[in-house]
Amino acid sequence: MPTPVFCRYSELTPSAVNVEYQVHTNWTDGQASSAAILEEAARIGLGAIAFTEHVRRSTDWFDSFAAEIREIAHAYPAMKVFVGSEAKALDEAGTLDISPSVQQGSDIVLGVVHRFPDGNGDYLDFNKISAAETAAIEFQLSMGLIKHAPIDVLGHPGGMYQRRHGAFPAEYFAQMMEASLERGIAIEINSSYLVDTATFVELCRQIDPIVSIGSDAHRIDQLGQCRDILRTMGVGR
């Protein structure tokens, strides 16, 4: 199977920025079909796209989803089309909520932090933990993914904190970038979650991690948003 080619931030070119590596369809919580998304992706000139549906260990539809994507992709030979998955961290050791078959069937696997496991089979209540605790827990879960999980990309880093408390601590971002570079894992520039894109991009410039570009698109009009933001900032020129 083909796989996306990720590069370090300093190596980004216009074509390397012209991608969309986090997209969701109506197979999960997206609003559009894969056919409609590919039609729009072609219209806005994307060079590559990855469909990265939410999965769990119990997911039983992935083969059908993958077959649909690969079949429709034949109509778009000028665009690289990848089948992927997005799986959440189950603990700080990097255990991923994904089955071996889905992992093997994915061209790209995004590891993400969604809810915070409490260690007893349930989840912490975000309303009962402070901002500092939220940042520290998300950081530890993210580091577990970076260091140990079978992933290609750390998706929407700091996302849970940012949705609730604003800009994620820059020192945590920096440590995550450095650790991801050591293992060769891409860290995502995600326009849906980043509160302070300029600071994140500046850290990328300083640390030069391997990066992935994704809008976390759940609607057709969100396709290419991250690409367009980065172009406006002059990234990849």
Protein backbone atom coordinates (compact mmCIF):
# COMPACT_ATOMS: atom_id res chain seq x y z
CA MET A 1 0.00 0.00 0.00
CA PRO A 2 1.19 3.57 -0.64
CA THR A 3 1.90 5.72 2.36
CA PRO A 4 2.08 9.49 2.75
CA VAL A 5 5.56 10.96 2.63
CA PHE A 6 6.16 13.29 5.53
CA CYS A 7 9.05 15.73 5.73
CA ARG A 8 10.59 18.01 8.27
CA TYR A 9 9.15 21.48 8.60
CA SER A 10 12.17 23.12 6.96
CA GLU A 11 11.73 20.87 3.92
CA LEU A 12 8.13 21.87 3.21
CA THR A 13 7.56 22.92 -0.37
CA PRO A 14 4.38 24.28 -2.00
CA SER A 15 3.44 20.76 -3.09
CA ALA A 16 4.14 19.34 0.38
CA VAL A 17 1.78 21.92 1.89
CA ASN A 18 -0.91 21.21 -0.71
CA VAL A 19 -2.29 18.20 1.17
CA GLU A 20 -5.12 17.29 3.52
CA TYR A 21 -4.20 14.48 5.89
CA GLN A 22 -7.14 14.45 8.28
CA VAL A 23 -10.61 14.02 6.80
CA HIS A 24 -13.77 12.37 8.13
CA THR A 25 -16.73 11.17 6.06
CA ASN A 26 -20.23 10.01 6.86
CA TRP A 27 -18.76 6.61 7.63
CA THR A 28 -18.22 8.14 11.09
CA ASP A 29 -18.95 11.71 12.21
CA GLY A 30 -18.32 13.57 8.97
CA GLN A 31 -21.17 15.15 7.05
CA ALA A 32 -20.28 14.22 3.47
CA SER A 33 -19.63 11.10 1.43
CA SER A 34 -16.17 10.11 0.26
CA ALA A 35 -17.25 10.71 -3.35
CA ALA A 36 -18.37 14.26 -2.60
CA ILE A 37 -15.18 14.96 -0.66
CA LEU A 38 -12.94 13.74 -3.47
CA GLU A 39 -14.84 15.82 -5.99
CA GLU A 40 -14.29 18.93 -3.88
CA ALA A 41 -10.66 18.03 -3.17
CA ALA A 42 -10.04 17.86 -6.91
CA ARG A 43 -11.84 21.17 -7.45
CA ILE A 44 -9.63 23.01 -4.95
CA GLY A 45 -6.52 21.38 -6.36
CA LEU A 46 -5.33 19.21 -3.47
CA GLY A 47 -2.39 17.03 -4.40
CA ALA A 48 -3.02 14.41 -1.72
CA ILE A 49 -5.74 13.51 0.76
CA ALA A 50 -6.07 11.00 3.59
CA PHE A 51 -9.39 9.72 4.85
CA THR A 52 -8.77 9.10 8.55
CA GLU A 53 -11.91 7.72 10.14
CA HIS A 54 -12.36 7.29 13.88
CA VAL A 55 -11.81 3.66 14.85
CA ARG A 56 -11.87 1.47 17.91
CA ARG A 57 -10.70 -2.06 18.60
CA SER A 58 -14.29 -3.18 17.97
CA THR A 59 -14.58 -1.49 14.55
CA ASP A 60 -15.95 -3.99 12.04
CA TRP A 61 -16.65 -1.81 8.97
CA PHE A 62 -13.14 -0.68 8.08
CA ASP A 63 -12.60 -3.11 5.20
CA SER A 64 -15.76 -1.88 3.47
CA PHE A 65 -14.76 1.74 4.04
CA ALA A 66 -11.26 1.13 2.67
CA ALA A 67 -12.61 -0.68 -0.39
CA GLU A 68 -14.95 2.25 -1.14
CA ILE A 69 -12.15 4.80 -0.91
CA ARG A 70 -9.76 2.82 -3.07
CA GLU A 71 -12.44 2.25 -5.72
CA ILE A 72 -13.51 5.89 -5.94
CA ALA A 73 -9.87 7.03 -5.97
CA HIS A 74 -9.43 5.50 -9.45
CA ALA A 75 -11.41 8.43 -10.83
CA TYR A 76 -8.77 10.89 -9.53
CA PRO A 77 -5.41 9.69 -10.85
CA ALA A 78 -3.80 13.13 -10.41
CA MET A 79 -4.43 13.05 -6.64
CA LYS A 80 -2.81 10.74 -4.11
CA VAL A 81 -5.58 9.20 -2.02
CA PHE A 82 -4.84 7.39 1.23
CA VAL A 83 -6.94 5.23 3.55
CA GLY A 84 -6.31 5.98 7.18
CA SER A 85 -7.55 5.75 10.73
CA GLU A 86 -7.65 7.89 13.83
CA ALA A 87 -7.36 6.04 17.14
CA LYS A 88 -7.26 7.35 20.67
CA ALA A 89 -4.83 6.73 23.50
CA LEU A 90 -6.06 4.31 26.16
CA ASP A 91 -3.30 5.00 28.69
CA GLU A 92 -0.01 6.81 29.22
CA ALA A 93 1.93 3.80 27.90
CA GLY A 94 0.75 4.49 24.36
CA THR A 95 -1.81 1.70 24.13
CA LEU A 96 -3.94 2.50 21.09
CA ASP A 97 -7.64 1.80 20.60
CA ILE A 98 -7.21 0.02 17.26
CA SER A 99 -7.34 -3.58 16.07
CA PRO A 100 -4.38 -5.21 14.31
CA SER A 101 -6.41 -5.63 11.11
CA VAL A 102 -7.35 -1.95 10.94
CA GLN A 103 -3.81 -0.92 11.70
CA GLN A 104 -2.49 -3.14 8.92
CA GLY A 105 -5.16 -1.90 6.51
CA SER A 106 -4.33 1.77 7.06
CA ASP A 107 -1.93 3.75 4.91
CA ILE A 108 -1.70 6.27 7.74
CA VAL A 109 -2.54 5.94 11.44
CA LEU A 110 -3.19 9.03 13.54
CA GLY A 111 -2.82 8.63 17.28
CA VAL A 112 -4.82 11.16 19.27
CA VAL A 113 -5.83 12.13 22.78
CA HIS A 114 -9.58 12.41 23.12
CA ARG A 115 -10.91 11.52 26.55
CA PHE A 116 -8.68 11.03 29.59
CA PRO A 117 -8.74 7.44 30.98
CA ASP A 118 -9.06 7.29 34.77
CA GLY A 119 -7.23 3.96 35.10
CA ASN A 120 -10.38 2.14 36.17
CA GLY A 121 -12.04 1.63 32.82
CA ASP A 122 -13.78 5.00 32.79
CA TYR A 123 -12.83 8.59 31.97
CA LEU A 124 -12.02 11.70 33.95
CA ASP A 125 -14.57 14.50 34.00
CA PHE A 126 -13.02 17.54 32.32
CA ASN A 127 -15.17 19.77 34.53
CA LYS A 128 -13.51 18.39 37.64
CA ILE A 129 -9.86 18.92 36.73
CA SER A 130 -8.01 22.21 36.52
CA ALA A 131 -6.46 23.71 33.43
CA ALA A 132 -2.98 22.81 34.67
CA GLU A 133 -4.05 19.22 35.35
CA THR A 134 -5.67 18.99 31.92
CA ALA A 135 -2.49 20.17 30.21
CA ALA A 136 -0.27 17.79 32.21
CA ILE A 137 -2.48 14.75 31.60
CA GLU A 138 -2.79 15.46 27.88
CA PHE A 139 0.96 15.92 27.67
CA GLN A 140 1.65 12.55 29.32
CA LEU A 141 -0.88 10.74 27.13
CA SER A 142 0.62 12.38 24.04
CA MET A 143 4.16 11.43 25.02
CA GLY A 144 3.03 7.84 25.46
CA LEU A 145 1.70 7.85 21.91
CA ILE A 146 4.83 9.47 20.53
CA LYS A 147 7.21 7.10 22.27
CA HIS A 148 5.37 3.79 22.05
CA ALA A 149 2.24 3.69 19.87
CA PRO A 150 2.16 2.21 16.33
CA ILE A 151 1.32 5.54 14.74
CA ASP A 152 2.52 7.69 11.87
CA VAL A 153 1.18 11.00 13.17
CA LEU A 154 0.33 12.56 16.51
CA GLY A 155 -3.00 14.14 15.59
CA HIS A 156 -4.32 17.48 16.91
CA PRO A 157 -1.67 17.80 19.66
CA GLY A 158 -2.94 19.63 22.73
CA GLY A 159 -6.43 19.57 21.28
CA MET A 160 -8.43 18.66 24.37
CA TYR A 161 -6.82 21.41 26.39
CA GLN A 162 -7.22 24.00 23.64
CA ARG A 163 -10.92 23.32 23.22
CA ARG A 164 -11.43 24.11 26.90
CA HIS A 165 -8.69 26.46 28.09
CA GLY A 166 -7.04 28.22 25.14
CA ALA A 167 -3.45 28.04 23.97
CA PHE A 168 -1.63 24.87 25.03
CA PRO A 169 1.63 25.46 26.97
CA ALA A 170 4.42 26.06 24.48
CA GLU A 171 6.95 24.13 26.57
CA TYR A 172 4.81 21.01 26.27
CA PHE A 173 4.52 21.45 22.51
CA ALA A 174 8.29 21.81 22.29
CA GLN A 175 8.95 18.61 24.24
CA MET A 176 6.41 16.73 22.13
CA MET A 177 8.05 17.92 18.91
CA GLU A 178 11.50 16.92 20.12
CA ALA A 179 10.29 13.47 21.17
CA SER A 180 8.42 12.94 17.92
CA LEU A 181 11.53 13.79 15.96
CA GLU A 182 13.58 11.26 17.91
CA ARG A 183 11.23 8.46 16.90
CA GLY A 184 10.45 9.72 13.41
CA ILE A 185 6.77 10.40 14.10
CA ALA A 186 5.06 13.32 12.37
CA ILE A 187 3.33 15.91 14.51
CA GLU A 188 0.22 17.46 13.04
CA ILE A 189 -0.33 21.09 12.23
CA ASN A 190 -4.09 21.05 12.76
CA SER A 191 -6.12 24.14 11.90
CA SER A 192 -9.23 22.92 13.69
CA TYR A 193 -7.69 22.77 17.17
CA LEU A 194 -4.77 25.19 17.20
CA VAL A 195 -5.58 28.34 19.14
CA ASP A 196 -2.22 30.02 18.47
CA THR A 197 -1.05 28.77 15.10
CA ALA A 198 1.71 31.35 14.86
CA THR A 199 3.41 30.12 18.04
CA PHE A 200 3.09 26.49 16.96
CA VAL A 201 4.58 27.26 13.56
CA GLU A 202 7.41 29.21 15.16
CA LEU A 203 8.20 26.18 17.35
CA CYS A 204 8.20 24.07 14.20
CA ARG A 205 10.67 26.49 12.66
CA GLN A 206 12.94 26.26 15.69
CA ILE A 207 12.77 22.52 16.39
CA ASP A 208 12.16 21.36 12.80
CA PRO A 209 10.02 18.28 13.50
CA ILE A 210 8.50 16.02 10.89
CA VAL A 211 5.05 17.45 10.21
CA SER A 212 1.67 16.44 8.87
CA ILE A 213 -0.96 18.90 7.68
CA GLY A 214 -4.63 18.40 8.52
CA SER A 215 -7.80 20.43 8.85
CA ASP A 216 -9.70 17.73 10.75
CA ALA A 217 -12.34 18.27 8.07
CA HIS A 218 -15.82 17.05 8.97
CA ARG A 219 -17.53 19.19 6.34
CA ILE A 220 -16.73 19.78 2.70
CA ASP A 221 -16.10 23.49 3.25
CA GLN A 222 -13.31 22.64 5.72
CA LEU A 223 -11.19 20.83 3.14
CA GLY A 224 -7.84 22.52 2.61
CA GLN A 225 -8.27 25.01 5.46
CA CYS A 226 -4.96 24.13 7.06
CA ARG A 227 -3.22 24.34 3.69
CA ASP A 228 -4.71 27.77 3.06
CA ILE A 229 -3.74 29.09 6.49
CA LEU A 230 -0.16 27.92 6.05
CA ARG A 231 0.00 29.43 2.57
CA THR A 232 -1.16 32.76 4.01
CA MET A 233 1.63 32.52 6.59
CA GLY A 234 4.19 31.86 3.86
CA VAL A 235 4.94 28.31 5.01
CA GLY A 236 6.54 26.11 2.38
CA ARG A 237 7.55 28.85 -0.03
